[in-house]
Structure formats: structure tokens, C-alpha cells
Amino acid sequence: VQLQASGGGLVQAGGSLRLSCAASGRTFSSYSMGWFRQAPGKERESVAGINWRGSSTYYADSVKGRFTISRDNTKNTAYLQMNSLKPEDTAVYYCAASRYAIGWDRTNLYDYWGQGTQVTVSS
């Protein structure tokens, strides 16, 4: 599976962005998907996860109520809708695919990673 993240950009605090993660291959629907982010000088952290059917979603406390993860298996694409953005959301955002149904927030359980897309939130 190859993943291509897109949709990042520069936005003012309080604004919104939608990230997309397009996957190649016919097995996209068998993978759980996750979004992670990494700010300069910080470790990569989990943001959100979704199971293969899209019936279960998971969020880091820092983004609950503001971000929404979703997927469209007919389009081989996962999404991260980000609302009420804050300057502390500034980071490179990565999507990833996992064959596991547990451990959505554990980077070592993901098999494939996208290249990352920059999100910058100005105050």
C-alpha cells in the first residue's frame, strides 16, 4: 500500500483544513488508518485512528471535539477534518495504515506511512 497525504497549508487560528490520504492498491479496506503529527523538535504523536470499516474512531485528547477522522473505502481515501485549529496544531501530518485492529495510537503497529503534509496555524 502506498499512501499520499495532501491538503495541508497555512490557516489562521480558528480556521479549518481537511487532509486527505489516498491509498494505492486494492486492499485499502482491510487496513485500519491513523493520522499522526510531528512538530519541530518533538516526537511524532498520534492524532486520530479509524478501523477498517469506519465504524470505530479514536482521538487524542488534544483534538477531541475539533478533529474528525473518516474514510471512503470506495475511493481508497482517508480524511482528517480539522476545525477550530490552534497554533499548537502546527506540525507535519502523516497518515498511516495498519493491519492491526488495536493500538491505533502506536506508531510501531503501522505498516505503511505517507510522506506527510505541512499544517501551519498562525495566531
C-alpha atoms as a PDB file:
ATOM      1  CA  VAL A   1       0.000   0.000   0.000  1.00  0.00           C
ATOM      2  CA  GLN A   2       1.318   3.422  -0.963  1.00  0.00           C
ATOM      3  CA  LEU A   3      -0.107   6.453   0.821  1.00  0.00           C
ATOM      4  CA  GLN A   4      -0.216  10.039  -0.401  1.00  0.00           C
ATOM      5  CA  ALA A   5      -1.197  12.730   2.093  1.00  0.00           C
ATOM      6  CA  SER A   6      -2.431  16.111   0.918  1.00  0.00           C
ATOM      7  CA  GLY A   7      -4.473  19.114   1.995  1.00  0.00           C
ATOM      8  CA  GLY A   8      -2.096  20.857   4.336  1.00  0.00           C
ATOM      9  CA  GLY A   9      -1.473  24.578   4.256  1.00  0.00           C
ATOM     10  CA  LEU A  10      -1.391  27.823   6.163  1.00  0.00           C
ATOM     11  CA  VAL A  11      -4.521  28.805   8.087  1.00  0.00           C
ATOM     12  CA  GLN A  12      -5.387  31.304  10.804  1.00  0.00           C
ATOM     13  CA  ALA A  13      -6.291  30.167  14.272  1.00  0.00           C
ATOM     14  CA  GLY A  14      -9.923  29.121  14.377  1.00  0.00           C
ATOM     15  CA  GLY A  15      -9.889  28.036  10.767  1.00  0.00           C
ATOM     16  CA  SER A  16     -10.343  24.628   9.180  1.00  0.00           C
ATOM     17  CA  LEU A  17      -8.491  22.251   6.898  1.00  0.00           C
ATOM     18  CA  ARG A  18      -9.280  18.821   5.518  1.00  0.00           C
ATOM     19  CA  LEU A  19      -6.443  16.421   4.973  1.00  0.00           C
ATOM     20  CA  SER A  20      -6.741  13.523   2.570  1.00  0.00           C
ATOM     21  CA  CYS A  21      -4.782  10.304   2.404  1.00  0.00           C
ATOM     22  CA  ALA A  22      -5.077   8.499  -0.914  1.00  0.00           C
ATOM     23  CA  ALA A  23      -4.022   4.865  -0.973  1.00  0.00           C
ATOM     24  CA  SER A  24      -2.982   2.731  -3.881  1.00  0.00           C
ATOM     25  CA  GLY A  25      -3.810  -0.943  -4.076  1.00  0.00           C
ATOM     26  CA  ARG A  26      -6.967  -2.946  -3.700  1.00  0.00           C
ATOM     27  CA  THR A  27      -6.505  -3.858  -0.040  1.00  0.00           C
ATOM     28  CA  PHE A  28      -7.101  -0.418   1.475  1.00  0.00           C
ATOM     29  CA  SER A  29     -10.350  -1.529   3.111  1.00  0.00           C
ATOM     30  CA  SER A  30      -8.552  -4.207   5.113  1.00  0.00           C
ATOM     31  CA  TYR A  31      -6.352  -1.695   6.952  1.00  0.00           C
ATOM     32  CA  SER A  32      -7.005   0.486   9.945  1.00  0.00           C
ATOM     33  CA  MET A  33      -5.888   4.036   9.285  1.00  0.00           C
ATOM     34  CA  GLY A  34      -4.289   6.609  11.514  1.00  0.00           C
ATOM     35  CA  TRP A  35      -3.181  10.199  11.445  1.00  0.00           C
ATOM     36  CA  PHE A  36      -0.085  11.325  13.297  1.00  0.00           C
ATOM     37  CA  ARG A  37       1.747  14.628  13.546  1.00  0.00           C
ATOM     38  CA  GLN A  38       5.214  15.807  14.343  1.00  0.00           C
ATOM     39  CA  ALA A  39       6.156  19.330  15.331  1.00  0.00           C
ATOM     40  CA  PRO A  40       9.750  20.583  15.126  1.00  0.00           C
ATOM     41  CA  GLY A  41      11.831  19.232  17.973  1.00  0.00           C
ATOM     42  CA  LYS A  42       9.065  16.952  19.193  1.00  0.00           C
ATOM     43  CA  GLU A  43       8.265  13.290  18.882  1.00  0.00           C
ATOM     44  CA  ARG A  44       5.642  12.038  16.473  1.00  0.00           C
ATOM     45  CA  GLU A  45       2.294  11.821  18.227  1.00  0.00           C
ATOM     46  CA  SER A  46      -0.973  10.126  17.446  1.00  0.00           C
ATOM     47  CA  VAL A  47      -3.906  12.281  16.410  1.00  0.00           C
ATOM     48  CA  ALA A  48      -6.747  10.004  15.293  1.00  0.00           C
ATOM     49  CA  GLY A  49      -7.481   6.462  14.167  1.00  0.00           C
ATOM     50  CA  ILE A  50     -10.258   4.611  12.381  1.00  0.00           C
ATOM     51  CA  ASN A  51     -10.950   0.928  11.921  1.00  0.00           C
ATOM     52  CA  TRP A  52     -11.209  -0.780   8.552  1.00  0.00           C
ATOM     53  CA  ARG A  53     -14.978  -0.364   8.288  1.00  0.00           C
ATOM     54  CA  GLY A  54     -15.075   3.170   9.594  1.00  0.00           C
ATOM     55  CA  SER A  55     -17.350   2.117  12.423  1.00  0.00           C
ATOM     56  CA  SER A  56     -14.907   2.982  15.224  1.00  0.00           C
ATOM     57  CA  THR A  57     -12.884   6.149  15.604  1.00  0.00           C
ATOM     58  CA  TYR A  58     -10.322   7.234  18.162  1.00  0.00           C
ATOM     59  CA  TYR A  59      -8.848  10.602  19.053  1.00  0.00           C
ATOM     60  CA  ALA A  60      -6.092  12.118  21.105  1.00  0.00           C
ATOM     61  CA  ASP A  61      -7.455  14.227  23.939  1.00  0.00           C
ATOM     62  CA  SER A  62      -5.884  17.327  22.425  1.00  0.00           C
ATOM     63  CA  VAL A  63      -8.065  17.124  19.294  1.00  0.00           C
ATOM     64  CA  LYS A  64     -11.314  15.613  20.567  1.00  0.00           C
ATOM     65  CA  GLY A  65     -14.303  17.667  19.525  1.00  0.00           C
ATOM     66  CA  ARG A  66     -12.290  19.553  16.889  1.00  0.00           C
ATOM     67  CA  PHE A  67     -10.985  16.873  14.501  1.00  0.00           C
ATOM     68  CA  THR A  68     -12.914  14.152  12.701  1.00  0.00           C
ATOM     69  CA  ILE A  69     -11.394  11.142  11.001  1.00  0.00           C
ATOM     70  CA  SER A  70     -13.294   9.323   8.279  1.00  0.00           C
ATOM     71  CA  ARG A  71     -12.700   7.072   5.314  1.00  0.00           C
ATOM     72  CA  ASP A  72     -14.263   6.178   1.999  1.00  0.00           C
ATOM     73  CA  ASN A  73     -13.262   2.662   1.030  1.00  0.00           C
ATOM     74  CA  THR A  74     -14.786   3.069  -2.429  1.00  0.00           C
ATOM     75  CA  LYS A  75     -12.277   5.852  -3.054  1.00  0.00           C
ATOM     76  CA  ASN A  76      -9.367   4.299  -1.149  1.00  0.00           C
ATOM     77  CA  THR A  77      -9.094   7.516   0.828  1.00  0.00           C
ATOM     78  CA  ALA A  78      -8.985   8.521   4.471  1.00  0.00           C
ATOM     79  CA  TYR A  79      -9.677  12.027   5.700  1.00  0.00           C
ATOM     80  CA  LEU A  80      -8.955  14.231   8.672  1.00  0.00           C
ATOM     81  CA  GLN A  81     -11.290  17.188   9.055  1.00  0.00           C
ATOM     82  CA  MET A  82      -9.672  19.740  11.331  1.00  0.00           C
ATOM     83  CA  ASN A  83     -11.785  22.545  12.775  1.00  0.00           C
ATOM     84  CA  SER A  84     -11.066  25.267  15.336  1.00  0.00           C
ATOM     85  CA  LEU A  85      -7.384  24.988  14.597  1.00  0.00           C
ATOM     86  CA  LYS A  86      -4.892  26.291  17.120  1.00  0.00           C
ATOM     87  CA  PRO A  87      -1.255  27.353  16.717  1.00  0.00           C
ATOM     88  CA  GLU A  88      -0.242  24.269  18.697  1.00  0.00           C
ATOM     89  CA  ASP A  89      -1.709  22.108  15.918  1.00  0.00           C
ATOM     90  CA  THR A  90       1.143  23.247  13.674  1.00  0.00           C
ATOM     91  CA  ALA A  91       3.064  20.174  12.532  1.00  0.00           C
ATOM     92  CA  VAL A  92       3.727  17.833   9.666  1.00  0.00           C
ATOM     93  CA  TYR A  93       0.784  15.446   9.485  1.00  0.00           C
ATOM     94  CA  TYR A  94       1.251  11.850   8.400  1.00  0.00           C
ATOM     95  CA  CYS A  95      -1.260   9.189   7.516  1.00  0.00           C
ATOM     96  CA  ALA A  96      -0.509   5.540   8.100  1.00  0.00           C
ATOM     97  CA  ALA A  97      -2.052   2.134   7.503  1.00  0.00           C
ATOM     98  CA  SER A  98      -2.095  -0.739   9.958  1.00  0.00           C
ATOM     99  CA  ARG A  99      -3.158  -4.378   9.560  1.00  0.00           C
ATOM    100  CA  TYR A 100      -3.979  -4.450  13.281  1.00  0.00           C
ATOM    101  CA  ALA A 101      -7.341  -3.616  14.780  1.00  0.00           C
ATOM    102  CA  ILE A 102      -5.865  -2.444  18.082  1.00  0.00           C
ATOM    103  CA  GLY A 103      -3.247   0.037  19.160  1.00  0.00           C
ATOM    104  CA  TRP A 104      -4.375   2.880  16.937  1.00  0.00           C
ATOM    105  CA  ASP A 105      -2.003   5.249  18.692  1.00  0.00           C
ATOM    106  CA  ARG A 106       1.114   3.084  18.489  1.00  0.00           C
ATOM    107  CA  THR A 107       3.417   4.058  15.643  1.00  0.00           C
ATOM    108  CA  ASN A 108       5.178   0.673  15.713  1.00  0.00           C
ATOM    109  CA  LEU A 109       1.944  -1.102  14.701  1.00  0.00           C
ATOM    110  CA  TYR A 110       1.628   0.757  11.400  1.00  0.00           C
ATOM    111  CA  ASP A 111       2.915  -0.910   8.260  1.00  0.00           C
ATOM    112  CA  TYR A 112       2.797   1.909   5.746  1.00  0.00           C
ATOM    113  CA  TRP A 113       3.308   5.669   6.014  1.00  0.00           C
ATOM    114  CA  GLY A 114       2.570   8.591   3.766  1.00  0.00           C
ATOM    115  CA  GLN A 115       5.094  11.341   3.102  1.00  0.00           C
ATOM    116  CA  GLY A 116       3.489  13.981   5.323  1.00  0.00           C
ATOM    117  CA  THR A 117       1.788  17.285   4.689  1.00  0.00           C
ATOM    118  CA  GLN A 118       2.598  20.545   6.486  1.00  0.00           C
ATOM    119  CA  VAL A 119      -0.088  22.274   8.528  1.00  0.00           C
ATOM    120  CA  THR A 120       0.725  25.729   9.849  1.00  0.00           C
ATOM    121  CA  VAL A 121      -1.705  27.626  12.067  1.00  0.00           C
ATOM    122  CA  SER A 122      -0.979  31.287  12.634  1.00  0.00           C
ATOM    123  CA  SER A 123      -2.133  33.166  15.716  1.00  0.00           C
END
